[in-house]
Amino acid sequence: MDLDDYQRGALRTAAPRDKKNELLHLVLGLVGESGEIAEKFKKWVRDLGSDESRIDRADIAKELGDVLWYVAVLADYLDLSLDDIAAANLAKLASRQSRGVLGGSGDNR
């Protein structure tokens, strides 16, 4: 499956664009689902001693799927293609790597 196929599939379960506050719902949903991943890893550190063999990968995969859904639907709301976003991101990182500025901070390095 390519990313645009996924994006089209995700839209089948999304609310209509014209639903009141839908953009805010999507942004907060993305942040919330990302926070759920962070929470699971916090508990992994606290309760499981950061033992990588004890990461519940199936559970993390479900949460990553939720993050992916929100990214896909939010991108569509903003008329952005996931394929285009992914390609541009890889090109940006390759450029940074070739210029020796992969590490560091700031968007425009």
Protein backbone atom coordinates (compact mmCIF):
# COMPACT_ATOMS: atom_id res chain seq x y z
CA MET A 1 0.00 0.00 0.00
CA ASP A 2 1.35 3.44 -0.78
CA LEU A 3 0.73 6.44 1.45
CA ASP A 4 -1.88 8.07 -0.78
CA ASP A 5 -3.83 4.78 -0.83
CA TYR A 6 -3.74 4.76 2.96
CA GLN A 7 -4.84 8.39 3.05
CA ARG A 8 -7.85 7.65 0.85
CA GLY A 9 -8.73 4.69 3.06
CA ALA A 10 -8.44 6.74 6.25
CA LEU A 11 -10.85 9.29 4.85
CA ARG A 12 -13.60 6.67 4.74
CA THR A 13 -13.75 6.83 8.55
CA ALA A 14 -13.14 10.57 8.95
CA ALA A 15 -15.70 13.20 9.87
CA PRO A 16 -16.75 15.63 7.13
CA ARG A 17 -14.42 18.59 6.60
CA ASP A 18 -17.22 21.03 7.28
CA LYS A 19 -17.95 19.61 10.73
CA LYS A 20 -17.57 22.39 13.29
CA ASN A 21 -14.01 22.58 14.68
CA GLU A 22 -12.85 19.59 12.62
CA LEU A 23 -9.37 21.04 12.07
CA LEU A 24 -8.92 21.53 15.81
CA HIS A 25 -10.25 18.01 16.43
CA LEU A 26 -7.66 16.57 14.06
CA VAL A 27 -4.74 18.50 15.54
CA LEU A 28 -5.71 17.63 19.11
CA GLY A 29 -6.30 14.02 18.12
CA LEU A 30 -2.81 13.80 16.64
CA VAL A 31 -1.27 15.27 19.77
CA GLY A 32 -3.35 13.00 21.99
CA GLU A 33 -2.42 9.81 20.15
CA SER A 34 1.25 10.82 20.13
CA GLY A 35 0.95 11.40 23.86
CA GLU A 36 -0.45 7.90 24.31
CA ILE A 37 2.73 6.50 22.76
CA ALA A 38 4.84 8.64 25.09
CA GLU A 39 2.76 7.45 28.06
CA LYS A 40 3.31 3.80 27.16
CA PHE A 41 7.06 4.37 26.97
CA LYS A 42 7.01 6.28 30.25
CA LYS A 43 5.47 3.22 31.89
CA TRP A 44 8.00 0.99 30.11
CA VAL A 45 10.79 3.04 31.72
CA ARG A 46 9.10 3.26 35.11
CA ASP A 47 7.75 -0.28 35.41
CA LEU A 48 9.88 -2.43 33.12
CA GLY A 49 13.35 -0.97 33.59
CA SER A 50 13.61 0.10 29.93
CA ASP A 51 14.07 -3.54 28.93
CA GLU A 52 13.59 -3.48 25.16
CA SER A 53 12.55 -7.13 25.13
CA ARG A 54 9.48 -6.10 27.16
CA ILE A 55 8.15 -3.44 24.77
CA ASP A 56 4.62 -4.39 23.76
CA ARG A 57 5.22 -3.92 20.05
CA ALA A 58 1.69 -4.90 19.06
CA ASP A 59 0.27 -2.25 21.38
CA ILE A 60 2.72 0.39 20.11
CA ALA A 61 1.83 -0.58 16.52
CA LYS A 62 -1.84 0.12 17.27
CA GLU A 63 -1.00 3.55 18.67
CA LEU A 64 1.29 4.32 15.73
CA GLY A 65 -1.62 3.38 13.48
CA ASP A 66 -3.80 5.92 15.28
CA VAL A 67 -1.11 8.57 14.80
CA LEU A 68 -0.87 7.66 11.12
CA TRP A 69 -4.65 8.00 10.73
CA TYR A 70 -4.63 11.51 12.20
CA VAL A 71 -1.62 12.53 10.06
CA ALA A 72 -3.37 11.24 6.93
CA VAL A 73 -6.68 12.94 7.62
CA LEU A 74 -5.09 16.19 8.79
CA ALA A 75 -2.93 16.29 5.66
CA ASP A 76 -6.01 15.77 3.50
CA TYR A 77 -7.87 18.52 5.36
CA LEU A 78 -5.00 20.83 4.38
CA ASP A 79 -5.04 19.50 0.78
CA LEU A 80 -1.68 17.77 1.20
CA SER A 81 -0.73 14.36 -0.19
CA LEU A 82 0.99 11.92 2.17
CA ASP A 83 3.14 10.68 -0.72
CA ASP A 84 4.27 14.26 -1.39
CA ILE A 85 4.92 14.93 2.30
CA ALA A 86 7.00 11.75 2.64
CA ALA A 87 9.02 12.43 -0.53
CA ALA A 88 9.73 16.03 0.50
CA ASN A 89 10.78 14.91 3.98
CA LEU A 90 13.24 12.33 2.64
CA ALA A 91 14.67 14.88 0.20
CA LYS A 92 15.08 17.40 3.02
CA LEU A 93 16.90 14.87 5.21
CA ALA A 94 19.13 13.69 2.36
CA SER A 95 20.08 17.30 1.65
CA ARG A 96 20.94 17.90 5.30
CA GLN A 97 22.99 14.72 5.37
CA SER A 98 24.94 15.64 2.22
CA ARG A 99 25.67 19.10 3.66
CA GLY A 100 26.71 17.66 7.03
CA VAL A 101 23.91 19.36 8.96
CA LEU A 102 21.71 16.37 9.79
CA GLY A 103 22.35 16.95 13.49
CA GLY A 104 21.59 20.23 15.12
CA SER A 105 18.38 22.20 15.28
CA GLY A 106 16.23 24.47 13.17
CA ASP A 107 14.09 23.77 10.16
CA ASN A 108 16.21 25.68 7.67
CA ARG A 109 19.65 24.14 8.07
